[in-house]
Amino acid sequence: MKLASKSFAENQRIPEEFAFGKADPKTHVALSQNLNPDLSWGDLPAGTKSLALICHDYDVPSKPDDVNKEGRTIPATLPRVDFYHWVLVDVPASMTRIRKGDFSSGVTPRGKPGPDGSQGTRQGINDYTMWFASDQDMSGNYFGYDGPCPPWNDEIPHHYVFTLYALDLPRCPVSGIFKGPDVLAAIRGHVLGQASLTGVYSLNPKVKV
């Protein structure tokens, strides 16, 4: 299997138009265009009946104490956890590409609608749902893609892994509102092949990407 993008190359910086947040010299961060990137794939295994796409950041601080706090930094030594940015299932096996902005354009306060997506797909909720849970203006279910917005005071760049799974199932066995880990558990034993693409992003001007 192959997975590629016209939006960014393997282990290269993700352009800010595909991010939830962009650097701002006055406020540290501002809302960005939040477009989903272009993705294309090929060489699917024989017997592929549907595809699932998951994007996660594995560099998220395990403790929020220092996140976006003036005069403080998030040390590189802090243990990290996963944060899911996109959970897309029931992608037709005949589909070979997702175009830039097809699934996300702009930041939608309280989240985009779901789970039903275009072309028969379904979208899970991403982890901004959890992040904004206590925010009166932003809380809601964040379905579909919402791009990078790592802490602006993190000492390390964040890595965003887009993984495409070829499944022997015509429909992913999840229902209702589902998350990334739900999909990963449901497709266990049904993955015929997979391919990944990793992009890098930071809002800290002191961090080189």
N, C-alpha and C. Protein backbone atom coordinates (compact mmCIF):
# COMPACT_ATOMS: atom_id res chain seq x y z
N MET A 1 0.83 -1.20 0.00
CA MET A 1 0.00 0.00 0.00
C MET A 1 0.86 1.25 0.00
N LYS A 2 0.34 2.28 -0.60
CA LYS A 2 1.02 3.56 -0.63
C LYS A 2 0.07 4.67 -0.19
N LEU A 3 0.57 5.63 0.57
CA LEU A 3 -0.19 6.81 0.98
C LEU A 3 0.68 8.02 0.77
N ALA A 4 0.17 9.02 0.06
CA ALA A 4 0.96 10.21 -0.25
C ALA A 4 0.08 11.45 -0.16
N SER A 5 0.72 12.61 -0.22
CA SER A 5 -0.01 13.88 -0.15
C SER A 5 0.69 14.94 -0.98
N LYS A 6 -0.09 15.76 -1.62
CA LYS A 6 0.44 16.95 -2.29
C LYS A 6 0.60 18.10 -1.31
N SER A 7 0.04 17.94 -0.12
CA SER A 7 0.03 19.01 0.88
C SER A 7 1.32 19.09 1.68
N PHE A 8 1.96 17.94 1.93
CA PHE A 8 3.23 17.90 2.65
C PHE A 8 3.90 16.56 2.37
N ALA A 9 5.22 16.52 2.54
CA ALA A 9 5.98 15.31 2.31
C ALA A 9 6.26 14.60 3.63
N GLU A 10 6.69 13.35 3.55
CA GLU A 10 6.98 12.55 4.73
C GLU A 10 7.97 13.25 5.65
N ASN A 11 7.57 13.37 6.92
CA ASN A 11 8.39 13.98 7.98
C ASN A 11 8.75 15.44 7.72
N GLN A 12 7.94 16.11 6.89
CA GLN A 12 8.13 17.54 6.64
C GLN A 12 7.04 18.34 7.34
N ARG A 13 7.26 19.65 7.42
CA ARG A 13 6.31 20.52 8.11
C ARG A 13 4.96 20.56 7.40
N ILE A 14 3.90 20.47 8.19
CA ILE A 14 2.54 20.64 7.67
C ILE A 14 2.28 22.13 7.52
N PRO A 15 1.90 22.61 6.33
CA PRO A 15 1.59 24.03 6.16
C PRO A 15 0.45 24.47 7.07
N GLU A 16 0.49 25.72 7.51
CA GLU A 16 -0.48 26.19 8.51
C GLU A 16 -1.92 26.18 8.01
N GLU A 17 -2.14 26.16 6.69
CA GLU A 17 -3.52 26.13 6.20
C GLU A 17 -4.24 24.83 6.58
N PHE A 18 -3.46 23.80 6.93
CA PHE A 18 -4.05 22.52 7.32
C PHE A 18 -4.12 22.37 8.84
N ALA A 19 -3.82 23.45 9.55
CA ALA A 19 -3.81 23.42 11.02
C ALA A 19 -5.04 24.10 11.60
N PHE A 20 -5.38 23.71 12.80
CA PHE A 20 -6.44 24.35 13.58
C PHE A 20 -5.95 25.70 14.09
N GLY A 21 -4.69 25.73 14.49
CA GLY A 21 -4.11 26.96 15.02
C GLY A 21 -2.81 27.32 14.32
N LYS A 22 -2.58 28.62 14.12
CA LYS A 22 -1.33 29.10 13.51
C LYS A 22 -0.66 30.06 14.48
N ALA A 23 0.64 30.24 14.30
CA ALA A 23 1.39 31.12 15.19
C ALA A 23 0.97 32.57 15.02
N ASP A 24 0.89 33.29 16.13
CA ASP A 24 0.55 34.71 16.12
C ASP A 24 1.53 35.43 17.04
N PRO A 25 2.23 36.45 16.55
CA PRO A 25 3.27 37.11 17.36
C PRO A 25 2.73 37.81 18.60
N LYS A 26 1.45 38.18 18.61
CA LYS A 26 0.89 38.89 19.75
C LYS A 26 0.20 37.96 20.75
N THR A 27 -0.55 37.00 20.24
CA THR A 27 -1.34 36.13 21.12
C THR A 27 -0.82 34.70 21.19
N HIS A 28 0.31 34.45 20.54
CA HIS A 28 0.93 33.12 20.44
C HIS A 28 0.23 32.23 19.41
N VAL A 29 -1.12 32.23 19.41
CA VAL A 29 -1.84 31.35 18.49
C VAL A 29 -3.14 32.01 18.04
N ALA A 30 -3.49 31.76 16.78
CA ALA A 30 -4.75 32.24 16.21
C ALA A 30 -5.36 31.11 15.39
N LEU A 31 -6.65 31.18 15.17
CA LEU A 31 -7.31 30.14 14.38
C LEU A 31 -6.81 30.18 12.94
N SER A 32 -6.63 29.00 12.36
CA SER A 32 -6.14 28.90 11.00
C SER A 32 -7.25 28.39 10.08
N GLN A 33 -6.89 28.04 8.84
CA GLN A 33 -7.89 27.64 7.84
C GLN A 33 -8.46 26.25 8.09
N ASN A 34 -7.71 25.42 8.80
CA ASN A 34 -8.20 24.11 9.22
C ASN A 34 -8.72 23.26 8.05
N LEU A 35 -8.02 23.30 6.93
CA LEU A 35 -8.37 22.45 5.79
C LEU A 35 -7.82 21.04 6.01
N ASN A 36 -8.59 20.03 5.63
CA ASN A 36 -7.98 18.70 5.61
C ASN A 36 -6.99 18.64 4.45
N PRO A 37 -5.87 17.95 4.62
CA PRO A 37 -4.89 17.88 3.54
C PRO A 37 -5.34 16.96 2.41
N ASP A 38 -4.72 17.14 1.26
CA ASP A 38 -4.89 16.22 0.15
C ASP A 38 -4.21 14.89 0.50
N LEU A 39 -4.89 13.79 0.22
CA LEU A 39 -4.32 12.46 0.42
C LEU A 39 -4.68 11.58 -0.76
N SER A 40 -3.74 10.77 -1.20
CA SER A 40 -4.03 9.81 -2.27
C SER A 40 -3.34 8.50 -1.95
N TRP A 41 -3.89 7.41 -2.48
CA TRP A 41 -3.35 6.09 -2.14
C TRP A 41 -3.54 5.12 -3.30
N GLY A 42 -2.85 3.98 -3.17
CA GLY A 42 -2.93 2.95 -4.20
C GLY A 42 -2.32 1.65 -3.72
N ASP A 43 -2.30 0.67 -4.62
CA ASP A 43 -1.76 -0.67 -4.33
C ASP A 43 -2.47 -1.32 -3.14
N LEU A 44 -3.80 -1.25 -3.14
CA LEU A 44 -4.55 -1.87 -2.05
C LEU A 44 -4.47 -3.39 -2.16
N PRO A 45 -4.47 -4.08 -1.04
CA PRO A 45 -4.43 -5.55 -1.07
C PRO A 45 -5.69 -6.14 -1.71
N ALA A 46 -5.54 -7.28 -2.32
CA ALA A 46 -6.70 -7.99 -2.87
C ALA A 46 -7.68 -8.30 -1.75
N GLY A 47 -8.96 -8.14 -2.02
CA GLY A 47 -9.98 -8.41 -1.02
C GLY A 47 -10.37 -7.23 -0.17
N THR A 48 -9.77 -6.06 -0.44
CA THR A 48 -10.12 -4.86 0.31
C THR A 48 -11.58 -4.48 0.04
N LYS A 49 -12.36 -4.34 1.09
CA LYS A 49 -13.78 -4.01 0.95
C LYS A 49 -14.11 -2.59 1.42
N SER A 50 -13.27 -2.03 2.27
CA SER A 50 -13.44 -0.64 2.70
C SER A 50 -12.12 -0.18 3.31
N LEU A 51 -12.05 1.13 3.58
CA LEU A 51 -10.85 1.72 4.16
C LEU A 51 -11.21 2.51 5.41
N ALA A 52 -10.25 2.64 6.29
CA ALA A 52 -10.40 3.52 7.46
C ALA A 52 -9.16 4.41 7.52
N LEU A 53 -9.37 5.65 7.89
CA LEU A 53 -8.28 6.62 7.98
C LEU A 53 -8.27 7.24 9.37
N ILE A 54 -7.11 7.20 10.00
CA ILE A 54 -6.96 7.78 11.33
C ILE A 54 -5.74 8.69 11.35
N CYS A 55 -5.89 9.88 11.92
CA CYS A 55 -4.76 10.78 12.13
C CYS A 55 -4.61 11.02 13.63
N HIS A 56 -3.40 10.78 14.14
CA HIS A 56 -3.17 11.06 15.55
C HIS A 56 -1.82 11.72 15.76
N ASP A 57 -1.73 12.48 16.83
CA ASP A 57 -0.50 13.13 17.28
C ASP A 57 -0.03 12.37 18.51
N TYR A 58 1.20 11.83 18.45
CA TYR A 58 1.68 11.04 19.58
C TYR A 58 2.57 11.84 20.54
N ASP A 59 2.63 13.14 20.36
CA ASP A 59 3.51 13.99 21.17
C ASP A 59 2.76 14.88 22.17
N VAL A 60 1.54 14.56 22.48
CA VAL A 60 0.73 15.41 23.36
C VAL A 60 1.16 15.24 24.82
N PRO A 61 1.37 16.35 25.55
CA PRO A 61 1.79 16.27 26.96
C PRO A 61 0.83 15.42 27.79
N SER A 62 1.40 14.56 28.62
CA SER A 62 0.57 13.69 29.47
C SER A 62 -0.02 14.45 30.65
N LYS A 63 0.57 15.61 30.96
CA LYS A 63 0.04 16.46 32.04
C LYS A 63 -0.18 17.87 31.48
N PRO A 64 -1.35 18.47 31.76
CA PRO A 64 -1.66 19.78 31.18
C PRO A 64 -1.17 20.97 31.99
N ASP A 65 -0.44 20.72 33.08
CA ASP A 65 -0.09 21.78 34.03
C ASP A 65 0.58 23.00 33.39
N ASP A 66 1.49 22.76 32.44
CA ASP A 66 2.26 23.85 31.86
C ASP A 66 1.78 24.28 30.47
N VAL A 67 0.72 23.66 29.99
CA VAL A 67 0.27 23.91 28.62
C VAL A 67 -0.16 25.36 28.41
N ASN A 68 0.50 26.03 27.45
CA ASN A 68 0.16 27.40 27.07
C ASN A 68 0.18 28.38 28.25
N LYS A 69 1.13 28.18 29.15
CA LYS A 69 1.26 29.07 30.31
C LYS A 69 2.44 30.02 30.10
N GLU A 70 2.20 31.30 30.28
CA GLU A 70 3.26 32.31 30.15
C GLU A 70 4.39 32.03 31.14
N GLY A 71 5.62 32.19 30.67
CA GLY A 71 6.77 32.02 31.52
C GLY A 71 7.13 30.59 31.85
N ARG A 72 6.42 29.62 31.21
CA ARG A 72 6.70 28.22 31.46
C ARG A 72 6.85 27.48 30.14
N THR A 73 7.52 26.37 30.18
CA THR A 73 7.67 25.54 28.99
C THR A 73 7.29 24.10 29.33
N ILE A 74 6.93 23.36 28.29
CA ILE A 74 6.64 21.94 28.45
C ILE A 74 7.93 21.19 28.11
N PRO A 75 8.56 20.56 29.09
CA PRO A 75 9.86 19.93 28.86
C PRO A 75 9.78 18.75 27.90
N ALA A 76 10.83 18.59 27.13
CA ALA A 76 10.89 17.47 26.18
C ALA A 76 10.85 16.13 26.90
N THR A 77 11.24 16.11 28.16
CA THR A 77 11.30 14.85 28.92
C THR A 77 9.94 14.39 29.43
N LEU A 78 8.92 15.23 29.34
CA LEU A 78 7.59 14.85 29.84
C LEU A 78 7.03 13.70 29.01
N PRO A 79 6.49 12.66 29.65
CA PRO A 79 5.86 11.57 28.90
C PRO A 79 4.73 12.09 28.01
N ARG A 80 4.55 11.45 26.88
CA ARG A 80 3.57 11.92 25.89
C ARG A 80 2.47 10.89 25.66
N VAL A 81 1.30 11.37 25.19
CA VAL A 81 0.15 10.51 24.92
C VAL A 81 -0.42 10.85 23.54
N ASP A 82 -1.35 10.02 23.09
CA ASP A 82 -1.98 10.21 21.78
C ASP A 82 -3.14 11.20 21.84
N PHE A 83 -3.31 11.94 20.74
CA PHE A 83 -4.44 12.85 20.56
C PHE A 83 -4.94 12.60 19.14
N TYR A 84 -6.21 12.22 19.00
CA TYR A 84 -6.76 11.88 17.68
C TYR A 84 -7.35 13.11 17.01
N HIS A 85 -6.94 13.34 15.76
CA HIS A 85 -7.38 14.50 14.99
C HIS A 85 -8.39 14.16 13.90
N TRP A 86 -8.44 12.90 13.49
CA TRP A 86 -9.37 12.51 12.41
C TRP A 86 -9.61 11.02 12.49
N VAL A 87 -10.89 10.66 12.48
CA VAL A 87 -11.29 9.25 12.49
C VAL A 87 -12.36 9.09 11.41
N LEU A 88 -11.99 8.44 10.32
CA LEU A 88 -12.87 8.32 9.15
C LEU A 88 -12.98 6.85 8.78
N VAL A 89 -14.21 6.34 8.69
CA VAL A 89 -14.41 4.93 8.34
C VAL A 89 -15.41 4.80 7.19
N ASP A 90 -15.55 3.57 6.71
CA ASP A 90 -16.44 3.26 5.58
C ASP A 90 -16.05 4.02 4.31
N VAL A 91 -14.76 4.25 4.14
CA VAL A 91 -14.28 4.84 2.90
C VAL A 91 -14.35 3.76 1.82
N PRO A 92 -15.05 4.00 0.70
CA PRO A 92 -15.21 2.97 -0.33
C PRO A 92 -13.86 2.48 -0.86
N ALA A 93 -13.77 1.20 -1.12
CA ALA A 93 -12.53 0.62 -1.65
C ALA A 93 -12.19 1.17 -3.03
N SER A 94 -13.20 1.70 -3.71
CA SER A 94 -12.99 2.27 -5.05
C SER A 94 -12.42 3.69 -5.01
N MET A 95 -12.44 4.30 -3.84
CA MET A 95 -11.96 5.67 -3.68
C MET A 95 -10.43 5.68 -3.63
N THR A 96 -9.81 6.63 -4.30
CA THR A 96 -8.35 6.67 -4.35
C THR A 96 -7.77 8.00 -3.85
N ARG A 97 -8.64 8.93 -3.47
CA ARG A 97 -8.11 10.23 -3.08
C ARG A 97 -9.11 11.01 -2.23
N ILE A 98 -8.58 11.80 -1.33
CA ILE A 98 -9.34 12.82 -0.61
C ILE A 98 -8.71 14.15 -0.98
N ARG A 99 -9.50 15.04 -1.51
CA ARG A 99 -8.95 16.32 -1.96
C ARG A 99 -8.88 17.32 -0.81
N LYS A 100 -7.97 18.24 -0.95
CA LYS A 100 -7.78 19.32 0.02
C LYS A 100 -9.10 20.03 0.30
N GLY A 101 -9.48 20.09 1.56
CA GLY A 101 -10.69 20.81 1.97
C GLY A 101 -11.99 20.07 1.76
N ASP A 102 -11.95 18.81 1.29
CA ASP A 102 -13.18 18.06 1.05
C ASP A 102 -13.97 17.78 2.33
N PHE A 103 -13.25 17.57 3.43
CA PHE A 103 -13.89 17.17 4.67
C PHE A 103 -13.82 18.24 5.77
N SER A 104 -13.00 19.25 5.56
CA SER A 104 -12.90 20.31 6.57
C SER A 104 -12.40 21.60 5.94
N SER A 105 -13.07 22.69 6.27
CA SER A 105 -12.66 24.02 5.83
C SER A 105 -13.08 25.02 6.89
N GLY A 106 -12.11 25.50 7.66
CA GLY A 106 -12.40 26.44 8.73
C GLY A 106 -12.68 25.74 10.06
N VAL A 107 -12.58 26.50 11.12
CA VAL A 107 -12.87 25.98 12.46
C VAL A 107 -14.36 26.18 12.74
N THR A 108 -15.01 25.13 13.18
CA THR A 108 -16.44 25.19 13.51
C THR A 108 -16.60 25.10 15.02
N PRO A 109 -16.93 26.23 15.69
CA PRO A 109 -17.15 26.17 17.13
C PRO A 109 -18.20 25.13 17.47
N ARG A 110 -17.94 24.34 18.49
CA ARG A 110 -18.79 23.23 18.95
C ARG A 110 -18.73 22.02 18.03
N GLY A 111 -17.92 22.10 16.97
CA GLY A 111 -17.67 20.93 16.15
C GLY A 111 -18.53 20.82 14.92
N LYS A 112 -17.96 20.16 13.91
CA LYS A 112 -18.71 19.88 12.69
C LYS A 112 -19.72 18.76 12.95
N PRO A 113 -20.77 18.67 12.13
CA PRO A 113 -21.77 17.62 12.33
C PRO A 113 -21.24 16.24 11.96
N GLY A 114 -21.91 15.23 12.44
CA GLY A 114 -21.54 13.85 12.15
C GLY A 114 -22.53 12.91 12.83
N PRO A 115 -22.33 11.61 12.70
CA PRO A 115 -21.17 10.94 12.11
C PRO A 115 -21.21 10.77 10.58
N ASP A 116 -22.35 10.99 9.95
CA ASP A 116 -22.44 10.76 8.50
C ASP A 116 -21.57 11.75 7.74
N GLY A 117 -20.74 11.22 6.83
CA GLY A 117 -19.88 12.04 6.00
C GLY A 117 -20.22 11.87 4.53
N SER A 118 -19.44 12.51 3.68
CA SER A 118 -19.69 12.42 2.24
C SER A 118 -19.30 11.06 1.69
N GLN A 119 -19.86 10.71 0.55
CA GLN A 119 -19.57 9.47 -0.18
C GLN A 119 -19.77 8.21 0.66
N GLY A 120 -20.73 8.27 1.58
CA GLY A 120 -21.06 7.10 2.37
C GLY A 120 -20.16 6.86 3.56
N THR A 121 -19.23 7.77 3.82
CA THR A 121 -18.32 7.60 4.94
C THR A 121 -18.99 7.97 6.26
N ARG A 122 -18.36 7.54 7.34
CA ARG A 122 -18.76 8.00 8.67
C ARG A 122 -17.53 8.54 9.39
N GLN A 123 -17.76 9.54 10.25
CA GLN A 123 -16.65 10.17 10.94
C GLN A 123 -16.85 10.08 12.46
N GLY A 124 -15.77 9.71 13.12
CA GLY A 124 -15.79 9.69 14.57
C GLY A 124 -15.51 11.07 15.13
N ILE A 125 -15.56 11.18 16.44
CA ILE A 125 -15.21 12.45 17.08
C ILE A 125 -13.71 12.46 17.36
N ASN A 126 -13.12 13.64 17.20
CA ASN A 126 -11.69 13.79 17.51
C ASN A 126 -11.54 14.29 18.95
N ASP A 127 -10.31 14.41 19.40
CA ASP A 127 -10.07 14.72 20.81
C ASP A 127 -10.21 16.18 21.18
N TYR A 128 -10.54 17.05 20.21
CA TYR A 128 -10.93 18.41 20.59
C TYR A 128 -12.24 18.36 21.37
N THR A 129 -13.01 17.31 21.18
CA THR A 129 -14.24 17.11 21.96
C THR A 129 -13.91 17.13 23.45
N MET A 130 -12.88 16.41 23.82
CA MET A 130 -12.43 16.36 25.21
C MET A 130 -11.76 17.67 25.62
N TRP A 131 -10.93 18.22 24.73
CA TRP A 131 -10.17 19.42 25.05
C TRP A 131 -11.08 20.61 25.36
N PHE A 132 -12.18 20.75 24.61
CA PHE A 132 -13.07 21.89 24.78
C PHE A 132 -14.28 21.60 25.68
N ALA A 133 -14.27 20.46 26.34
CA ALA A 133 -15.45 20.03 27.10
C ALA A 133 -15.91 21.05 28.14
N SER A 134 -14.97 21.78 28.75
CA SER A 134 -15.34 22.74 29.80
C SER A 134 -15.39 24.18 29.30
N ASP A 135 -15.28 24.38 27.98
CA ASP A 135 -15.31 25.71 27.38
C ASP A 135 -16.73 26.03 26.94
N GLN A 136 -17.35 27.04 27.54
CA GLN A 136 -18.75 27.35 27.26
C GLN A 136 -18.99 27.74 25.81
N ASP A 137 -17.98 28.32 25.16
CA ASP A 137 -18.15 28.78 23.78
C ASP A 137 -17.79 27.72 22.74
N MET A 138 -17.00 26.73 23.13
CA MET A 138 -16.48 25.78 22.16
C MET A 138 -16.89 24.33 22.40
N SER A 139 -17.50 24.01 23.51
CA SER A 139 -17.81 22.62 23.84
C SER A 139 -18.79 22.02 22.85
N GLY A 140 -18.60 20.73 22.57
CA GLY A 140 -19.47 20.01 21.64
C GLY A 140 -18.77 18.78 21.12
N ASN A 141 -19.42 18.06 20.22
CA ASN A 141 -18.83 16.88 19.60
C ASN A 141 -18.12 17.30 18.31
N TYR A 142 -16.83 17.12 18.28
CA TYR A 142 -16.00 17.52 17.13
C TYR A 142 -15.81 16.33 16.19
N PHE A 143 -16.73 16.19 15.25
CA PHE A 143 -16.64 15.12 14.27
C PHE A 143 -15.65 15.49 13.15
N GLY A 144 -15.03 14.46 12.59
CA GLY A 144 -14.19 14.68 11.42
C GLY A 144 -12.84 15.27 11.73
N TYR A 145 -12.28 15.96 10.74
CA TYR A 145 -10.92 16.48 10.84
C TYR A 145 -10.86 17.85 11.49
N ASP A 146 -9.99 17.97 12.47
CA ASP A 146 -9.55 19.26 13.00
C ASP A 146 -8.04 19.15 13.17
N GLY A 147 -7.32 20.08 12.57
CA GLY A 147 -5.88 19.96 12.43
C GLY A 147 -5.06 20.32 13.64
N PRO A 148 -3.74 20.41 13.44
CA PRO A 148 -2.80 20.64 14.54
C PRO A 148 -3.00 21.97 15.26
N CYS A 149 -2.82 21.92 16.57
CA CYS A 149 -2.75 23.13 17.39
C CYS A 149 -2.00 22.77 18.67
N PRO A 150 -0.72 22.40 18.53
CA PRO A 150 0.05 21.98 19.70
C PRO A 150 0.32 23.16 20.64
N PRO A 151 0.64 22.90 21.90
CA PRO A 151 0.94 23.98 22.83
C PRO A 151 2.07 24.87 22.29
N TRP A 152 1.88 26.18 22.39
CA TRP A 152 2.87 27.11 21.84
C TRP A 152 4.15 27.18 22.67
N ASN A 153 4.13 26.55 23.85
CA ASN A 153 5.33 26.57 24.70
C ASN A 153 5.95 25.19 24.84
N ASP A 154 5.67 24.29 23.90
CA ASP A 154 6.24 22.95 23.94
C ASP A 154 7.66 22.97 23.37
N GLU A 155 8.56 22.26 24.03
CA GLU A 155 9.95 22.23 23.59
C GLU A 155 10.18 21.34 22.38
N ILE A 156 9.22 20.49 22.05
CA ILE A 156 9.41 19.58 20.93
C ILE A 156 8.36 19.81 19.84
N PRO A 157 8.69 19.50 18.59
CA PRO A 157 7.68 19.54 17.53
C PRO A 157 6.75 18.33 17.68
N HIS A 158 5.55 18.47 17.16
CA HIS A 158 4.59 17.37 17.23
C HIS A 158 4.51 16.65 15.89
N HIS A 159 4.29 15.34 15.95
CA HIS A 159 4.22 14.50 14.76
C HIS A 159 2.79 14.01 14.57
N TYR A 160 2.28 14.20 13.36
CA TYR A 160 0.90 13.86 13.02
C TYR A 160 0.92 12.72 12.01
N VAL A 161 0.44 11.56 12.44
CA VAL A 161 0.52 10.36 11.63
C VAL A 161 -0.84 10.06 11.02
N PHE A 162 -0.90 10.11 9.69
CA PHE A 162 -2.09 9.72 8.94
C PHE A 162 -1.92 8.26 8.54
N THR A 163 -2.79 7.38 9.02
CA THR A 163 -2.68 5.95 8.72
C THR A 163 -3.95 5.48 8.02
N LEU A 164 -3.75 4.84 6.87
CA LEU A 164 -4.85 4.28 6.09
C LEU A 164 -4.85 2.77 6.26
N TYR A 165 -5.99 2.22 6.61
CA TYR A 165 -6.13 0.78 6.82
C TYR A 165 -7.04 0.19 5.74
N ALA A 166 -6.57 -0.88 5.09
CA ALA A 166 -7.38 -1.63 4.14
C ALA A 166 -8.05 -2.77 4.91
N LEU A 167 -9.38 -2.83 4.84
CA LEU A 167 -10.13 -3.79 5.65
C LEU A 167 -10.85 -4.83 4.81
N ASP A 168 -11.06 -6.00 5.40
CA ASP A 168 -11.84 -7.04 4.72
C ASP A 168 -13.32 -6.93 5.08
N LEU A 169 -13.71 -5.78 5.62
CA LEU A 169 -15.09 -5.51 6.02
C LEU A 169 -15.68 -4.40 5.15
N PRO A 170 -16.92 -4.55 4.67
CA PRO A 170 -17.55 -3.49 3.89
C PRO A 170 -17.97 -2.30 4.75
N ARG A 171 -18.12 -2.55 6.06
CA ARG A 171 -18.53 -1.50 7.00
C ARG A 171 -17.81 -1.72 8.31
N CYS A 172 -17.25 -0.67 8.85
CA CYS A 172 -16.54 -0.77 10.12
C CYS A 172 -17.54 -1.06 11.25
N PRO A 173 -17.27 -2.05 12.08
CA PRO A 173 -18.23 -2.44 13.13
C PRO A 173 -18.20 -1.53 14.36
N VAL A 174 -18.47 -0.26 14.13
CA VAL A 174 -18.69 0.70 15.22
C VAL A 174 -20.02 1.39 14.93
N SER A 175 -20.63 1.92 15.97
CA SER A 175 -21.92 2.59 15.77
C SER A 175 -22.02 3.81 16.68
N GLY A 176 -23.02 4.67 16.38
CA GLY A 176 -23.22 5.86 17.19
C GLY A 176 -22.03 6.80 17.13
N ILE A 177 -21.69 7.39 18.27
CA ILE A 177 -20.53 8.26 18.38
C ILE A 177 -19.33 7.40 18.76
N PHE A 178 -18.27 7.42 17.94
CA PHE A 178 -17.11 6.58 18.20
C PHE A 178 -15.83 7.40 18.12
N LYS A 179 -14.77 6.87 18.72
CA LYS A 179 -13.47 7.53 18.78
C LYS A 179 -12.41 6.67 18.10
N GLY A 180 -11.20 7.21 18.01
CA GLY A 180 -10.10 6.49 17.40
C GLY A 180 -9.85 5.12 18.01
N PRO A 181 -9.71 5.03 19.33
CA PRO A 181 -9.46 3.72 19.95
C PRO A 181 -10.59 2.73 19.69
N ASP A 182 -11.83 3.21 19.56
CA ASP A 182 -12.95 2.32 19.25
C ASP A 182 -12.76 1.67 17.89
N VAL A 183 -12.33 2.46 16.91
CA VAL A 183 -12.10 1.94 15.57
C VAL A 183 -10.94 0.95 15.57
N LEU A 184 -9.85 1.30 16.22
CA LEU A 184 -8.68 0.42 16.26
C LEU A 184 -9.03 -0.93 16.88
N ALA A 185 -9.87 -0.91 17.91
CA ALA A 185 -10.30 -2.17 18.53
C ALA A 185 -11.21 -2.96 17.61
N ALA A 186 -12.09 -2.26 16.90
CA ALA A 186 -13.08 -2.92 16.04
C ALA A 186 -12.47 -3.56 14.80
N ILE A 187 -11.38 -2.98 14.30
CA ILE A 187 -10.79 -3.51 13.06
C ILE A 187 -9.69 -4.53 13.32
N ARG A 188 -9.38 -4.76 14.58
CA ARG A 188 -8.34 -5.74 14.90
C ARG A 188 -8.70 -7.10 14.30
N GLY A 189 -7.77 -7.67 13.55
CA GLY A 189 -8.03 -8.95 12.89
C GLY A 189 -8.65 -8.82 11.52
N HIS A 190 -8.94 -7.59 11.09
CA HIS A 190 -9.57 -7.36 9.79
C HIS A 190 -8.74 -6.46 8.88
N VAL A 191 -7.50 -6.17 9.27
CA VAL A 191 -6.63 -5.28 8.49
C VAL A 191 -5.82 -6.10 7.49
N LEU A 192 -6.03 -5.84 6.21
CA LEU A 192 -5.29 -6.54 5.16
C LEU A 192 -3.96 -5.86 4.85
N GLY A 193 -3.89 -4.57 5.14
CA GLY A 193 -2.67 -3.81 4.89
C GLY A 193 -2.86 -2.40 5.41
N GLN A 194 -1.76 -1.67 5.56
CA GLN A 194 -1.85 -0.29 6.01
C GLN A 194 -0.65 0.51 5.52
N ALA A 195 -0.85 1.83 5.45
CA ALA A 195 0.21 2.73 5.03
C ALA A 195 0.08 4.03 5.81
N SER A 196 1.21 4.67 6.10
CA SER A 196 1.19 5.87 6.92
C SER A 196 1.99 7.01 6.29
N LEU A 197 1.62 8.22 6.67
CA LEU A 197 2.30 9.43 6.26
C LEU A 197 2.36 10.34 7.47
N THR A 198 3.55 10.86 7.79
CA THR A 198 3.73 11.67 8.99
C THR A 198 4.13 13.10 8.63
N GLY A 199 3.43 14.06 9.21
CA GLY A 199 3.77 15.47 9.07
C GLY A 199 4.15 16.04 10.43
N VAL A 200 4.88 17.16 10.43
CA VAL A 200 5.39 17.75 11.66
C VAL A 200 4.89 19.19 11.78
N TYR A 201 4.62 19.62 13.03
CA TYR A 201 4.09 20.98 13.22
C TYR A 201 4.47 21.49 14.60
N SER A 202 4.69 22.78 14.71
CA SER A 202 4.96 23.42 16.00
C SER A 202 4.48 24.86 15.96
N LEU A 203 4.03 25.36 17.10
CA LEU A 203 3.66 26.77 17.25
C LEU A 203 4.69 27.53 18.08
N ASN A 204 5.76 26.84 18.48
CA ASN A 204 6.81 27.46 19.27
C ASN A 204 7.88 28.00 18.33
N PRO A 205 8.07 29.32 18.25
CA PRO A 205 9.06 29.89 17.31
C PRO A 205 10.49 29.45 17.61
N LYS A 206 10.72 28.91 18.79
CA LYS A 206 12.06 28.47 19.16
C LYS A 206 12.35 27.03 18.70
N VAL A 207 11.32 26.36 18.22
CA VAL A 207 11.46 24.97 17.78
C VAL A 207 11.60 24.90 16.28
N LYS A 208 12.63 24.26 15.82
CA LYS A 208 12.84 24.11 14.38
C LYS A 208 12.12 22.87 13.89
N VAL A 209 11.39 23.03 12.79
CA VAL A 209 10.65 21.91 12.19
C VAL A 209 11.19 21.69 10.79
